[in-house]
Amino acid sequence: MWFEANIDGVGQGASAWSDGESAMVHISEACSRNLPVEIEETHDPITVERCELIPDSGGAGRFRGSLGIVRDYPLHEDSRFISAPERCTSPHWGIDGGGDGARTYGVLESSLHGTIEIMKTPDMPMAANDLVSIRTGGGGFGNPLTRDPASVLHDVLDGYISLKSARTDYGVVIDTTTLTLDEAATATHRAL
């Protein structure tokens, strides 16, 4: 028998002075931490197939909400499963004109239960090769059209936001060939 308890990082909302921090574990969580993948795979019959930041999961804003994570792990043997994520029914709110971040939820791909979205889940059986996937995000602060265009460009280059989000959420026009900021087109687009 094995027991795995993990706290997955979520997107921290932005503040009035800075972007949120990505994939944060809340400071008040007791007796559990965001375990390194290597420890989980050494001690439990799972493989962490994916643990990465989710582009566009942070709410748009003068200060961007941080990115949440997607964490996928298939089970290697029959087991039981309980989940207790928070903020599953609504997105992580933006403040003062900031956009909402992605909401927290999970996806279960199971031979016993089918492919279903999970939130708080009571004890349920799981079969070998079932996949658990957790997803999170964080809200933005302030009007996204007031974010420094150079910061938006950096977010695109870092993979935090997509080119589509840069244009539609932030009003920033980036040349898709050279990945450079088009300042004149941005000023015109933001004025619309």
N, C-alpha and C. Protein backbone atom coordinates (compact mmCIF):
# COMPACT_ATOMS: atom_id res chain seq x y z
N MET A 1 0.84 -1.18 0.00
CA MET A 1 0.00 0.00 0.00
C MET A 1 0.88 1.24 0.00
N TRP A 2 0.46 2.28 -0.70
CA TRP A 2 1.21 3.53 -0.74
C TRP A 2 0.24 4.69 -0.54
N PHE A 3 0.79 5.79 -0.12
CA PHE A 3 -0.01 6.98 0.15
C PHE A 3 0.73 8.19 -0.41
N GLU A 4 0.05 8.97 -1.23
CA GLU A 4 0.66 10.17 -1.82
C GLU A 4 -0.21 11.37 -1.47
N ALA A 5 0.36 12.36 -0.86
CA ALA A 5 -0.35 13.62 -0.61
C ALA A 5 0.53 14.73 -1.16
N ASN A 6 -0.01 15.47 -2.10
CA ASN A 6 0.78 16.52 -2.72
C ASN A 6 -0.02 17.80 -2.80
N ILE A 7 0.65 18.89 -2.60
CA ILE A 7 0.05 20.20 -2.77
C ILE A 7 0.59 20.76 -4.07
N ASP A 8 -0.28 20.96 -5.05
CA ASP A 8 0.17 21.50 -6.33
C ASP A 8 0.16 23.02 -6.28
N GLY A 9 1.16 23.63 -6.91
CA GLY A 9 1.25 25.08 -6.94
C GLY A 9 0.13 25.71 -7.74
N VAL A 10 -0.28 26.88 -7.30
CA VAL A 10 -1.33 27.63 -8.00
C VAL A 10 -0.77 28.98 -8.43
N GLY A 11 -1.51 29.68 -9.25
CA GLY A 11 -1.11 31.02 -9.65
C GLY A 11 -1.49 32.01 -8.57
N GLN A 12 -0.54 32.82 -8.15
CA GLN A 12 -0.81 33.88 -7.18
C GLN A 12 -1.33 35.09 -7.94
N GLY A 13 -2.35 35.73 -7.41
CA GLY A 13 -2.85 36.94 -8.04
C GLY A 13 -1.81 38.05 -8.01
N ALA A 14 -1.93 38.96 -8.98
CA ALA A 14 -1.04 40.12 -9.03
C ALA A 14 -1.39 41.08 -7.89
N SER A 15 -0.47 41.96 -7.59
CA SER A 15 -0.72 42.99 -6.57
C SER A 15 -0.72 44.36 -7.25
N ALA A 16 -0.88 45.40 -6.47
CA ALA A 16 -0.90 46.76 -7.01
C ALA A 16 0.49 47.22 -7.43
N TRP A 17 1.53 46.43 -7.19
CA TRP A 17 2.89 46.85 -7.52
C TRP A 17 3.71 45.80 -8.27
N SER A 18 3.18 44.58 -8.43
CA SER A 18 3.99 43.57 -9.14
C SER A 18 3.13 42.43 -9.68
N ASP A 19 3.71 41.72 -10.64
CA ASP A 19 3.09 40.50 -11.15
C ASP A 19 3.04 39.47 -10.04
N GLY A 20 2.10 38.53 -10.16
CA GLY A 20 2.03 37.43 -9.20
C GLY A 20 3.16 36.44 -9.43
N GLU A 21 3.46 35.67 -8.42
CA GLU A 21 4.47 34.61 -8.52
C GLU A 21 3.80 33.33 -9.01
N SER A 22 4.43 32.65 -9.93
CA SER A 22 3.84 31.45 -10.53
C SER A 22 4.07 30.21 -9.69
N ALA A 23 3.08 29.30 -9.77
CA ALA A 23 3.15 27.97 -9.16
C ALA A 23 3.51 28.03 -7.68
N MET A 24 2.77 28.83 -6.93
CA MET A 24 3.05 29.01 -5.50
C MET A 24 2.26 28.02 -4.65
N VAL A 25 2.87 27.55 -3.58
CA VAL A 25 2.18 26.76 -2.57
C VAL A 25 1.88 27.71 -1.42
N HIS A 26 0.63 27.71 -0.97
CA HIS A 26 0.21 28.66 0.07
C HIS A 26 1.00 28.44 1.35
N ILE A 27 1.40 29.54 1.96
CA ILE A 27 2.27 29.49 3.13
C ILE A 27 1.62 28.80 4.33
N SER A 28 0.28 28.78 4.37
CA SER A 28 -0.38 28.18 5.53
C SER A 28 -0.67 26.69 5.38
N GLU A 29 -0.26 26.09 4.27
CA GLU A 29 -0.47 24.65 4.11
C GLU A 29 0.38 23.91 5.14
N ALA A 30 -0.26 23.05 5.90
CA ALA A 30 0.45 22.33 6.96
C ALA A 30 0.80 20.91 6.52
N CYS A 31 1.92 20.44 6.95
CA CYS A 31 2.33 19.02 6.82
C CYS A 31 2.51 18.54 5.39
N SER A 32 2.52 19.41 4.42
CA SER A 32 2.68 18.95 3.04
C SER A 32 3.30 20.06 2.22
N ARG A 33 4.06 19.70 1.24
CA ARG A 33 4.69 20.68 0.36
C ARG A 33 4.63 20.18 -1.07
N ASN A 34 4.95 21.06 -1.99
CA ASN A 34 5.02 20.71 -3.40
C ASN A 34 6.26 19.85 -3.60
N LEU A 35 6.06 18.56 -3.64
CA LEU A 35 7.18 17.62 -3.68
C LEU A 35 7.90 17.66 -5.02
N PRO A 36 9.21 17.56 -5.02
CA PRO A 36 9.92 17.41 -6.29
C PRO A 36 9.49 16.12 -6.99
N VAL A 37 9.42 16.18 -8.30
CA VAL A 37 9.00 15.04 -9.11
C VAL A 37 9.84 13.81 -8.80
N GLU A 38 11.13 14.00 -8.64
CA GLU A 38 12.03 12.87 -8.42
C GLU A 38 11.68 12.10 -7.14
N ILE A 39 11.27 12.81 -6.11
CA ILE A 39 10.89 12.15 -4.86
C ILE A 39 9.60 11.37 -5.05
N GLU A 40 8.62 12.00 -5.69
CA GLU A 40 7.36 11.30 -5.94
C GLU A 40 7.58 10.02 -6.73
N GLU A 41 8.35 10.10 -7.79
CA GLU A 41 8.55 8.93 -8.65
C GLU A 41 9.38 7.84 -7.96
N THR A 42 10.23 8.21 -7.03
CA THR A 42 11.04 7.24 -6.30
C THR A 42 10.21 6.48 -5.27
N HIS A 43 9.28 7.18 -4.62
CA HIS A 43 8.54 6.59 -3.51
C HIS A 43 7.15 6.09 -3.86
N ASP A 44 6.59 6.50 -4.97
CA ASP A 44 5.21 6.15 -5.31
C ASP A 44 5.14 5.54 -6.71
N PRO A 45 4.15 4.70 -6.94
CA PRO A 45 4.01 4.07 -8.27
C PRO A 45 3.32 5.01 -9.27
N ILE A 46 3.98 6.12 -9.54
CA ILE A 46 3.49 7.08 -10.52
C ILE A 46 4.66 7.57 -11.36
N THR A 47 4.35 8.14 -12.49
CA THR A 47 5.32 8.87 -13.30
C THR A 47 4.72 10.24 -13.55
N VAL A 48 5.45 11.28 -13.25
CA VAL A 48 4.95 12.62 -13.55
C VAL A 48 5.31 12.90 -15.00
N GLU A 49 4.30 12.83 -15.87
CA GLU A 49 4.52 13.01 -17.30
C GLU A 49 4.71 14.47 -17.67
N ARG A 50 4.07 15.35 -16.92
CA ARG A 50 4.15 16.77 -17.25
C ARG A 50 3.94 17.58 -15.99
N CYS A 51 4.80 18.57 -15.79
CA CYS A 51 4.66 19.53 -14.71
C CYS A 51 5.21 20.85 -15.26
N GLU A 52 4.31 21.71 -15.72
CA GLU A 52 4.76 22.92 -16.40
C GLU A 52 3.77 24.06 -16.21
N LEU A 53 4.26 25.26 -16.45
CA LEU A 53 3.40 26.44 -16.38
C LEU A 53 2.43 26.44 -17.56
N ILE A 54 1.24 26.99 -17.34
CA ILE A 54 0.21 27.07 -18.39
C ILE A 54 0.19 28.48 -18.96
N PRO A 55 0.60 28.68 -20.21
CA PRO A 55 0.53 30.01 -20.81
C PRO A 55 -0.91 30.55 -20.77
N ASP A 56 -1.04 31.85 -20.56
CA ASP A 56 -2.33 32.56 -20.54
C ASP A 56 -3.21 32.18 -19.35
N SER A 57 -2.70 31.47 -18.35
CA SER A 57 -3.53 31.12 -17.20
C SER A 57 -3.57 32.23 -16.15
N GLY A 58 -2.63 33.17 -16.24
CA GLY A 58 -2.66 34.33 -15.34
C GLY A 58 -3.53 35.42 -15.93
N GLY A 59 -4.34 36.05 -15.11
CA GLY A 59 -5.22 37.11 -15.60
C GLY A 59 -4.43 38.29 -16.13
N ALA A 60 -4.93 38.87 -17.23
CA ALA A 60 -4.30 40.06 -17.81
C ALA A 60 -4.47 41.24 -16.87
N GLY A 61 -3.50 42.15 -16.87
CA GLY A 61 -3.61 43.34 -16.02
C GLY A 61 -2.38 44.21 -16.18
N ARG A 62 -2.45 45.42 -15.59
CA ARG A 62 -1.26 46.26 -15.55
C ARG A 62 -0.15 45.44 -14.91
N PHE A 63 -0.54 44.66 -13.90
CA PHE A 63 0.35 43.63 -13.35
C PHE A 63 -0.33 42.30 -13.60
N ARG A 64 0.37 41.40 -14.27
CA ARG A 64 -0.18 40.12 -14.72
C ARG A 64 -0.32 39.15 -13.57
N GLY A 65 -1.46 38.47 -13.55
CA GLY A 65 -1.61 37.36 -12.61
C GLY A 65 -0.61 36.28 -12.98
N SER A 66 -0.18 35.55 -12.00
CA SER A 66 0.85 34.55 -12.28
C SER A 66 0.25 33.33 -12.97
N LEU A 67 1.12 32.54 -13.51
CA LEU A 67 0.70 31.34 -14.20
C LEU A 67 0.46 30.21 -13.21
N GLY A 68 -0.55 29.44 -13.54
CA GLY A 68 -0.78 28.21 -12.82
C GLY A 68 0.02 27.10 -13.47
N ILE A 69 -0.22 25.91 -13.01
CA ILE A 69 0.50 24.76 -13.55
C ILE A 69 -0.48 23.73 -14.10
N VAL A 70 0.05 22.87 -14.93
CA VAL A 70 -0.62 21.62 -15.28
C VAL A 70 0.34 20.52 -14.84
N ARG A 71 -0.21 19.56 -14.12
CA ARG A 71 0.61 18.46 -13.58
C ARG A 71 -0.13 17.16 -13.89
N ASP A 72 0.45 16.33 -14.75
CA ASP A 72 -0.17 15.08 -15.17
C ASP A 72 0.61 13.90 -14.62
N TYR A 73 -0.11 12.98 -14.00
CA TYR A 73 0.58 11.76 -13.56
C TYR A 73 -0.33 10.54 -13.65
N PRO A 74 0.12 9.55 -14.43
CA PRO A 74 -0.60 8.28 -14.49
C PRO A 74 -0.21 7.40 -13.31
N LEU A 75 -1.15 6.57 -12.89
CA LEU A 75 -0.93 5.64 -11.79
C LEU A 75 -0.44 4.31 -12.36
N HIS A 76 0.49 3.68 -11.69
CA HIS A 76 1.03 2.42 -12.18
C HIS A 76 0.36 1.19 -11.56
N GLU A 77 -0.51 1.42 -10.58
CA GLU A 77 -1.23 0.29 -9.99
C GLU A 77 -2.58 0.77 -9.49
N ASP A 78 -3.48 -0.17 -9.22
CA ASP A 78 -4.79 0.18 -8.70
C ASP A 78 -4.62 0.94 -7.39
N SER A 79 -5.49 1.90 -7.16
CA SER A 79 -5.35 2.73 -5.96
C SER A 79 -6.70 3.38 -5.64
N ARG A 80 -6.67 4.28 -4.67
CA ARG A 80 -7.84 5.07 -4.31
C ARG A 80 -7.43 6.53 -4.38
N PHE A 81 -8.42 7.42 -4.59
CA PHE A 81 -8.11 8.81 -4.88
C PHE A 81 -9.08 9.72 -4.13
N ILE A 82 -8.54 10.78 -3.56
CA ILE A 82 -9.32 11.85 -2.93
C ILE A 82 -8.72 13.16 -3.41
N SER A 83 -9.56 14.13 -3.77
CA SER A 83 -9.01 15.44 -4.14
C SER A 83 -9.76 16.53 -3.37
N ALA A 84 -9.05 17.61 -3.05
CA ALA A 84 -9.64 18.69 -2.28
C ALA A 84 -9.15 20.05 -2.75
N PRO A 85 -9.20 20.33 -4.07
CA PRO A 85 -8.75 21.65 -4.53
C PRO A 85 -9.76 22.74 -4.16
N GLU A 86 -9.29 23.96 -4.11
CA GLU A 86 -10.14 25.11 -3.81
C GLU A 86 -10.35 25.95 -5.07
N ARG A 87 -11.36 26.81 -5.05
CA ARG A 87 -11.66 27.78 -6.12
C ARG A 87 -11.95 27.08 -7.46
N CYS A 88 -12.71 26.00 -7.41
CA CYS A 88 -12.97 25.23 -8.62
C CYS A 88 -14.16 25.75 -9.43
N THR A 89 -15.10 26.42 -8.80
CA THR A 89 -16.31 26.80 -9.53
C THR A 89 -16.23 28.20 -10.12
N SER A 90 -15.25 28.98 -9.75
CA SER A 90 -15.11 30.32 -10.33
C SER A 90 -13.64 30.59 -10.59
N PRO A 91 -13.36 31.47 -11.55
CA PRO A 91 -11.95 31.79 -11.83
C PRO A 91 -11.34 32.59 -10.68
N HIS A 92 -10.03 32.70 -10.71
CA HIS A 92 -9.34 33.55 -9.74
C HIS A 92 -9.52 34.99 -10.20
N TRP A 93 -10.29 35.75 -9.44
CA TRP A 93 -10.73 37.08 -9.85
C TRP A 93 -9.59 38.06 -10.07
N GLY A 94 -9.77 38.89 -11.10
CA GLY A 94 -8.91 40.03 -11.28
C GLY A 94 -9.42 41.18 -10.42
N ILE A 95 -8.57 42.15 -10.15
CA ILE A 95 -8.94 43.28 -9.30
C ILE A 95 -8.64 44.58 -10.02
N ASP A 96 -9.48 45.60 -9.79
CA ASP A 96 -9.28 46.95 -10.32
C ASP A 96 -9.12 46.94 -11.84
N GLY A 97 -9.97 46.18 -12.52
CA GLY A 97 -9.91 46.11 -13.98
C GLY A 97 -9.06 45.00 -14.53
N GLY A 98 -8.38 44.24 -13.66
CA GLY A 98 -7.57 43.12 -14.12
C GLY A 98 -8.43 41.95 -14.54
N GLY A 99 -7.91 41.13 -15.43
CA GLY A 99 -8.65 39.97 -15.91
C GLY A 99 -8.58 38.80 -14.94
N ASP A 100 -9.57 37.95 -15.05
CA ASP A 100 -9.59 36.74 -14.23
C ASP A 100 -8.52 35.76 -14.70
N GLY A 101 -7.95 35.05 -13.76
CA GLY A 101 -7.03 33.96 -14.09
C GLY A 101 -7.82 32.68 -14.28
N ALA A 102 -7.17 31.66 -14.74
CA ALA A 102 -7.82 30.36 -14.93
C ALA A 102 -8.27 29.82 -13.57
N ARG A 103 -9.36 29.10 -13.58
CA ARG A 103 -9.83 28.50 -12.32
C ARG A 103 -9.07 27.20 -12.05
N THR A 104 -9.14 26.74 -10.84
CA THR A 104 -8.49 25.50 -10.43
C THR A 104 -9.44 24.33 -10.69
N TYR A 105 -8.94 23.29 -11.30
CA TYR A 105 -9.73 22.07 -11.50
C TYR A 105 -8.78 20.94 -11.88
N GLY A 106 -9.33 19.77 -11.97
CA GLY A 106 -8.56 18.62 -12.40
C GLY A 106 -9.31 17.88 -13.49
N VAL A 107 -8.59 17.04 -14.20
CA VAL A 107 -9.18 16.16 -15.20
C VAL A 107 -8.71 14.75 -14.86
N LEU A 108 -9.66 13.84 -14.87
CA LEU A 108 -9.36 12.44 -14.63
C LEU A 108 -9.66 11.66 -15.90
N GLU A 109 -8.66 10.96 -16.40
CA GLU A 109 -8.86 10.05 -17.54
C GLU A 109 -8.76 8.65 -16.98
N SER A 110 -9.93 8.02 -16.82
CA SER A 110 -9.99 6.78 -16.07
C SER A 110 -10.73 5.68 -16.83
N SER A 111 -10.23 4.47 -16.72
CA SER A 111 -10.93 3.33 -17.31
C SER A 111 -12.18 2.99 -16.50
N LEU A 112 -12.24 3.43 -15.25
CA LEU A 112 -13.41 3.16 -14.40
C LEU A 112 -14.47 4.26 -14.49
N HIS A 113 -14.04 5.51 -14.63
CA HIS A 113 -14.96 6.64 -14.54
C HIS A 113 -15.10 7.44 -15.83
N GLY A 114 -14.34 7.09 -16.85
CA GLY A 114 -14.33 7.86 -18.09
C GLY A 114 -13.45 9.09 -17.94
N THR A 115 -13.55 10.02 -18.87
CA THR A 115 -12.81 11.28 -18.76
C THR A 115 -13.76 12.30 -18.16
N ILE A 116 -13.44 12.75 -16.97
CA ILE A 116 -14.31 13.67 -16.24
C ILE A 116 -13.49 14.79 -15.63
N GLU A 117 -14.14 15.94 -15.44
CA GLU A 117 -13.52 17.03 -14.69
C GLU A 117 -13.76 16.75 -13.22
N ILE A 118 -12.74 16.98 -12.42
CA ILE A 118 -12.86 16.74 -10.98
C ILE A 118 -12.61 18.02 -10.20
N MET A 119 -13.32 18.12 -9.09
CA MET A 119 -13.10 19.20 -8.13
C MET A 119 -12.86 18.51 -6.79
N LYS A 120 -13.64 18.85 -5.78
CA LYS A 120 -13.54 18.11 -4.53
C LYS A 120 -14.15 16.74 -4.78
N THR A 121 -13.38 15.70 -4.49
CA THR A 121 -13.78 14.35 -4.83
C THR A 121 -13.65 13.46 -3.61
N PRO A 122 -14.73 12.73 -3.25
CA PRO A 122 -14.60 11.78 -2.14
C PRO A 122 -13.76 10.58 -2.56
N ASP A 123 -13.46 9.75 -1.61
CA ASP A 123 -12.68 8.54 -1.86
C ASP A 123 -13.29 7.75 -3.01
N MET A 124 -12.48 7.47 -4.03
CA MET A 124 -12.96 6.72 -5.18
C MET A 124 -11.87 5.79 -5.69
N PRO A 125 -12.25 4.63 -6.23
CA PRO A 125 -11.25 3.71 -6.75
C PRO A 125 -10.66 4.22 -8.06
N MET A 126 -9.41 3.87 -8.28
CA MET A 126 -8.71 4.20 -9.52
C MET A 126 -8.00 2.95 -10.01
N ALA A 127 -7.84 2.86 -11.32
CA ALA A 127 -7.19 1.69 -11.90
C ALA A 127 -5.79 2.05 -12.39
N ALA A 128 -4.96 1.04 -12.51
CA ALA A 128 -3.63 1.25 -13.09
C ALA A 128 -3.78 1.90 -14.46
N ASN A 129 -2.91 2.82 -14.77
CA ASN A 129 -2.87 3.60 -16.01
C ASN A 129 -3.89 4.73 -16.09
N ASP A 130 -4.72 4.93 -15.05
CA ASP A 130 -5.56 6.13 -15.01
C ASP A 130 -4.65 7.35 -14.88
N LEU A 131 -5.09 8.47 -15.43
CA LEU A 131 -4.29 9.70 -15.42
C LEU A 131 -5.01 10.78 -14.62
N VAL A 132 -4.27 11.43 -13.73
CA VAL A 132 -4.77 12.58 -12.97
C VAL A 132 -4.04 13.81 -13.50
N SER A 133 -4.80 14.88 -13.78
CA SER A 133 -4.22 16.12 -14.27
C SER A 133 -4.80 17.28 -13.48
N ILE A 134 -3.94 18.10 -12.88
CA ILE A 134 -4.35 19.25 -12.08
C ILE A 134 -4.00 20.52 -12.84
N ARG A 135 -4.91 21.54 -12.83
CA ARG A 135 -4.68 22.81 -13.54
C ARG A 135 -5.09 23.98 -12.66
N THR A 136 -4.31 25.08 -12.71
CA THR A 136 -4.56 26.23 -11.84
C THR A 136 -4.26 27.55 -12.57
N GLY A 137 -4.47 28.72 -11.91
CA GLY A 137 -4.17 30.05 -12.46
C GLY A 137 -4.27 31.15 -11.42
N GLY A 138 -4.03 32.43 -11.77
CA GLY A 138 -4.10 33.56 -10.84
C GLY A 138 -4.60 34.83 -11.49
N GLY A 139 -5.32 35.69 -10.77
CA GLY A 139 -5.94 36.90 -11.31
C GLY A 139 -4.99 38.08 -11.50
N GLY A 140 -5.33 38.97 -12.45
CA GLY A 140 -4.52 40.15 -12.74
C GLY A 140 -4.97 41.37 -11.96
N PHE A 141 -4.15 42.42 -11.97
CA PHE A 141 -4.46 43.66 -11.26
C PHE A 141 -4.34 44.84 -12.22
N GLY A 142 -5.38 45.64 -12.31
CA GLY A 142 -5.34 46.88 -13.10
C GLY A 142 -5.64 46.63 -14.58
N ASN A 143 -5.92 47.72 -15.26
CA ASN A 143 -6.27 47.67 -16.68
C ASN A 143 -5.11 47.13 -17.50
N PRO A 144 -5.33 46.04 -18.26
CA PRO A 144 -4.24 45.46 -19.05
C PRO A 144 -3.70 46.40 -20.12
N LEU A 145 -4.51 47.37 -20.56
CA LEU A 145 -4.05 48.31 -21.58
C LEU A 145 -3.04 49.31 -21.04
N THR A 146 -2.84 49.29 -19.71
CA THR A 146 -1.83 50.17 -19.11
C THR A 146 -0.52 49.43 -18.79
N ARG A 147 -0.47 48.15 -19.13
CA ARG A 147 0.78 47.40 -18.91
C ARG A 147 1.83 47.88 -19.90
N ASP A 148 3.04 48.00 -19.43
CA ASP A 148 4.15 48.42 -20.29
C ASP A 148 4.27 47.44 -21.46
N PRO A 149 4.19 47.92 -22.70
CA PRO A 149 4.29 47.02 -23.86
C PRO A 149 5.57 46.18 -23.86
N ALA A 150 6.67 46.72 -23.36
CA ALA A 150 7.91 45.94 -23.30
C ALA A 150 7.76 44.74 -22.36
N SER A 151 7.00 44.91 -21.28
CA SER A 151 6.74 43.79 -20.36
C SER A 151 5.89 42.73 -21.03
N VAL A 152 4.93 43.17 -21.84
CA VAL A 152 4.10 42.21 -22.58
C VAL A 152 4.97 41.43 -23.56
N LEU A 153 5.87 42.11 -24.26
CA LEU A 153 6.78 41.43 -25.17
C LEU A 153 7.62 40.39 -24.43
N HIS A 154 8.15 40.76 -23.26
CA HIS A 154 8.93 39.81 -22.46
C HIS A 154 8.08 38.60 -22.06
N ASP A 155 6.81 38.85 -21.70
CA ASP A 155 5.92 37.74 -21.34
C ASP A 155 5.74 36.78 -22.52
N VAL A 156 5.61 37.34 -23.73
CA VAL A 156 5.48 36.49 -24.93
C VAL A 156 6.76 35.70 -25.15
N LEU A 157 7.90 36.37 -25.08
CA LEU A 157 9.19 35.70 -25.31
C LEU A 157 9.47 34.63 -24.26
N ASP A 158 9.00 34.86 -23.03
CA ASP A 158 9.18 33.88 -21.96
C ASP A 158 8.16 32.75 -22.00
N GLY A 159 7.16 32.87 -22.89
CA GLY A 159 6.14 31.83 -23.00
C GLY A 159 5.02 31.95 -21.98
N TYR A 160 4.95 33.09 -21.26
CA TYR A 160 3.91 33.28 -20.26
C TYR A 160 2.56 33.60 -20.89
N ILE A 161 2.57 34.38 -21.97
CA ILE A 161 1.33 34.69 -22.67
C ILE A 161 1.54 34.45 -24.16
N SER A 162 0.44 34.23 -24.85
CA SER A 162 0.49 33.97 -26.29
C SER A 162 0.48 35.29 -27.06
N LEU A 163 0.85 35.21 -28.34
CA LEU A 163 0.75 36.38 -29.22
C LEU A 163 -0.70 36.87 -29.29
N LYS A 164 -1.64 35.94 -29.30
CA LYS A 164 -3.06 36.31 -29.34
C LYS A 164 -3.45 37.11 -28.10
N SER A 165 -3.03 36.66 -26.91
CA SER A 165 -3.34 37.37 -25.68
C SER A 165 -2.68 38.74 -25.66
N ALA A 166 -1.44 38.83 -26.16
CA ALA A 166 -0.75 40.13 -26.20
C ALA A 166 -1.61 41.15 -26.95
N ARG A 167 -2.19 40.73 -28.06
CA ARG A 167 -2.98 41.64 -28.89
C ARG A 167 -4.38 41.87 -28.32
N THR A 168 -5.09 40.78 -28.00
CA THR A 168 -6.49 40.92 -27.60
C THR A 168 -6.65 41.40 -26.16
N ASP A 169 -5.81 40.94 -25.24
CA ASP A 169 -5.95 41.30 -23.84
C ASP A 169 -5.18 42.57 -23.46
N TYR A 170 -4.01 42.76 -24.08
CA TYR A 170 -3.14 43.88 -23.71
C TYR A 170 -3.07 44.98 -24.76
N GLY A 171 -3.61 44.73 -25.95
CA GLY A 171 -3.55 45.72 -27.02
C GLY A 171 -2.15 45.95 -27.55
N VAL A 172 -1.28 44.96 -27.40
CA VAL A 172 0.11 45.10 -27.83
C VAL A 172 0.31 44.31 -29.12
N VAL A 173 0.85 45.00 -30.13
CA VAL A 173 1.09 44.38 -31.43
C VAL A 173 2.56 43.98 -31.52
N ILE A 174 2.75 42.69 -31.75
CA ILE A 174 4.10 42.13 -31.87
C ILE A 174 4.24 41.53 -33.26
N ASP A 175 5.31 41.87 -33.93
CA ASP A 175 5.58 41.32 -35.27
C ASP A 175 5.80 39.82 -35.11
N THR A 176 4.97 39.02 -35.77
CA THR A 176 5.04 37.57 -35.60
C THR A 176 6.27 36.94 -36.25
N THR A 177 6.90 37.64 -37.17
CA THR A 177 8.10 37.11 -37.83
C THR A 177 9.35 37.38 -37.01
N THR A 178 9.51 38.62 -36.55
CA THR A 178 10.72 39.01 -35.83
C THR A 178 10.56 38.98 -34.31
N LEU A 179 9.31 38.81 -33.85
CA LEU A 179 8.99 38.87 -32.42
C LEU A 179 9.54 40.14 -31.77
N THR A 180 9.26 41.25 -32.44
CA THR A 180 9.63 42.56 -31.90
C THR A 180 8.36 43.39 -31.73
N LEU A 181 8.45 44.35 -30.85
CA LEU A 181 7.33 45.22 -30.54
C LEU A 181 7.11 46.23 -31.65
N ASP A 182 5.87 46.36 -32.11
CA ASP A 182 5.50 47.39 -33.08
C ASP A 182 4.82 48.51 -32.29
N GLU A 183 5.61 49.50 -31.90
CA GLU A 183 5.13 50.56 -31.01
C GLU A 183 4.03 51.40 -31.66
N ALA A 184 4.17 51.74 -32.92
CA ALA A 184 3.16 52.56 -33.61
C ALA A 184 1.84 51.81 -33.71
N ALA A 185 1.89 50.55 -34.12
CA ALA A 185 0.67 49.75 -34.23
C ALA A 185 0.04 49.52 -32.85
N THR A 186 0.87 49.39 -31.83
CA THR A 186 0.35 49.21 -30.46
C THR A 186 -0.41 50.46 -30.03
N ALA A 187 0.17 51.63 -30.25
CA ALA A 187 -0.49 52.88 -29.86
C ALA A 187 -1.83 53.02 -30.58
N THR A 188 -1.86 52.68 -31.86
CA THR A 188 -3.11 52.76 -32.64
C THR A 188 -4.12 51.75 -32.13
N HIS A 189 -3.68 50.53 -31.91
CA HIS A 189 -4.58 49.46 -31.44
C HIS A 189 -5.16 49.77 -30.08
N ARG A 190 -4.34 50.29 -29.18
CA ARG A 190 -4.82 50.63 -27.83
C ARG A 190 -5.79 51.81 -27.84
N ALA A 191 -5.68 52.66 -28.84
CA ALA A 191 -6.56 53.84 -28.92
C ALA A 191 -7.96 53.49 -29.43
N LEU A 192 -8.12 52.31 -30.01
CA LEU A 192 -9.43 51.90 -30.57
C LEU A 192 -10.46 51.67 -29.50
